[in-house]
Amino acid sequence: MNRKVKALLVLNGIKQVTISRKLKVTPTVVSFVISGKRKSARISKAIAQELNMKVEELWPRDNKKAA
């Protein structure tokens, strides 16, 4: 699990369900992307944008997420 991403979301008052609604995906899908169980460039980018960060800052070892 990517605790850094989850912690940043909490600290910034951003809920996974909010991101999922914006992207029209289930909260489970967003959770899977955060934890690394699933890869999605679109969702990773949306999470990074919500945090005003780059995808590479959030997932440094996996900076080329699959589309």
C-alpha atoms as a PDB file:
ATOM      1  CA  MET A   1       0.000   0.000   0.000  1.00  0.00           C
ATOM      2  CA  ASN A   2       1.195   3.481  -0.788  1.00  0.00           C
ATOM      3  CA  ARG A   3       0.787   5.065   2.624  1.00  0.00           C
ATOM      4  CA  LYS A   4       2.326   8.319   1.395  1.00  0.00           C
ATOM      5  CA  VAL A   5      -0.440   8.924  -1.141  1.00  0.00           C
ATOM      6  CA  LYS A   6      -3.167   7.919   1.280  1.00  0.00           C
ATOM      7  CA  ALA A   7      -1.725  10.175   4.003  1.00  0.00           C
ATOM      8  CA  LEU A   8      -1.426  13.121   1.624  1.00  0.00           C
ATOM      9  CA  LEU A   9      -5.038  12.717   0.580  1.00  0.00           C
ATOM     10  CA  VAL A  10      -6.164  12.691   4.220  1.00  0.00           C
ATOM     11  CA  LEU A  11      -3.971  15.671   5.147  1.00  0.00           C
ATOM     12  CA  ASN A  12      -5.422  17.635   2.237  1.00  0.00           C
ATOM     13  CA  GLY A  13      -8.990  16.636   3.009  1.00  0.00           C
ATOM     14  CA  ILE A  14      -9.405  14.780  -0.272  1.00  0.00           C
ATOM     15  CA  LYS A  15     -11.512  11.648  -0.235  1.00  0.00           C
ATOM     16  CA  GLN A  16     -10.975   8.748  -2.594  1.00  0.00           C
ATOM     17  CA  VAL A  17     -14.702   8.719  -3.275  1.00  0.00           C
ATOM     18  CA  THR A  18     -14.492  12.318  -4.512  1.00  0.00           C
ATOM     19  CA  ILE A  19     -11.813  11.352  -7.020  1.00  0.00           C
ATOM     20  CA  SER A  20     -13.762   8.290  -8.088  1.00  0.00           C
ATOM     21  CA  ARG A  21     -16.898  10.344  -8.737  1.00  0.00           C
ATOM     22  CA  LYS A  22     -14.986  12.892 -10.823  1.00  0.00           C
ATOM     23  CA  LEU A  23     -13.498  10.085 -12.920  1.00  0.00           C
ATOM     24  CA  LYS A  24     -16.685   8.007 -13.002  1.00  0.00           C
ATOM     25  CA  VAL A  25     -15.018   4.922 -11.569  1.00  0.00           C
ATOM     26  CA  THR A  26     -15.653   3.013  -8.373  1.00  0.00           C
ATOM     27  CA  PRO A  27     -13.842   3.972  -5.173  1.00  0.00           C
ATOM     28  CA  THR A  28     -12.350   0.479  -5.226  1.00  0.00           C
ATOM     29  CA  VAL A  29     -10.558   1.226  -8.492  1.00  0.00           C
ATOM     30  CA  VAL A  30      -9.054   4.400  -7.010  1.00  0.00           C
ATOM     31  CA  SER A  31      -7.999   2.449  -3.925  1.00  0.00           C
ATOM     32  CA  PHE A  32      -6.376  -0.228  -6.086  1.00  0.00           C
ATOM     33  CA  VAL A  33      -4.382   2.392  -8.008  1.00  0.00           C
ATOM     34  CA  ILE A  34      -3.210   4.006  -4.763  1.00  0.00           C
ATOM     35  CA  SER A  35      -2.169   0.639  -3.332  1.00  0.00           C
ATOM     36  CA  GLY A  36      -0.442  -0.476  -6.525  1.00  0.00           C
ATOM     37  CA  LYS A  37      -2.801  -3.387  -7.149  1.00  0.00           C
ATOM     38  CA  ARG A  38      -3.907  -1.787 -10.401  1.00  0.00           C
ATOM     39  CA  LYS A  39      -2.286   0.668 -12.794  1.00  0.00           C
ATOM     40  CA  SER A  40      -4.040   3.544 -14.499  1.00  0.00           C
ATOM     41  CA  ALA A  41      -2.290   6.580 -15.927  1.00  0.00           C
ATOM     42  CA  ARG A  42      -5.561   8.522 -15.942  1.00  0.00           C
ATOM     43  CA  ILE A  43      -6.344   7.854 -12.284  1.00  0.00           C
ATOM     44  CA  SER A  44      -2.745   8.346 -11.145  1.00  0.00           C
ATOM     45  CA  LYS A  45      -2.651  11.689 -12.942  1.00  0.00           C
ATOM     46  CA  ALA A  46      -5.965  12.771 -11.393  1.00  0.00           C
ATOM     47  CA  ILE A  47      -4.717  11.906  -7.897  1.00  0.00           C
ATOM     48  CA  ALA A  48      -1.485  13.804  -8.507  1.00  0.00           C
ATOM     49  CA  GLN A  49      -3.408  16.827  -9.809  1.00  0.00           C
ATOM     50  CA  GLU A  50      -5.659  16.830  -6.737  1.00  0.00           C
ATOM     51  CA  LEU A  51      -2.506  16.946  -4.597  1.00  0.00           C
ATOM     52  CA  ASN A  52      -0.749  19.501  -6.850  1.00  0.00           C
ATOM     53  CA  MET A  53       2.059  17.049  -7.390  1.00  0.00           C
ATOM     54  CA  LYS A  54       3.582  15.031 -10.201  1.00  0.00           C
ATOM     55  CA  VAL A  55       2.826  11.339 -10.652  1.00  0.00           C
ATOM     56  CA  GLU A  56       6.554  10.623 -10.316  1.00  0.00           C
ATOM     57  CA  GLU A  57       6.572  12.209  -6.858  1.00  0.00           C
ATOM     58  CA  LEU A  58       3.804   9.923  -5.648  1.00  0.00           C
ATOM     59  CA  TRP A  59       4.935   6.712  -7.317  1.00  0.00           C
ATOM     60  CA  PRO A  60       8.718   7.122  -7.787  1.00  0.00           C
ATOM     61  CA  ARG A  61       9.454   3.451  -8.589  1.00  0.00           C
ATOM     62  CA  ASP A  62       6.528   3.151 -10.957  1.00  0.00           C
ATOM     63  CA  ASN A  63       6.544   6.450 -12.793  1.00  0.00           C
ATOM     64  CA  LYS A  64       5.348   4.901 -16.051  1.00  0.00           C
ATOM     65  CA  LYS A  65       1.857   3.754 -15.101  1.00  0.00           C
ATOM     66  CA  ALA A  66      -0.004   1.812 -17.743  1.00  0.00           C
ATOM     67  CA  ALA A  67      -2.769   3.520 -19.660  1.00  0.00           C
END
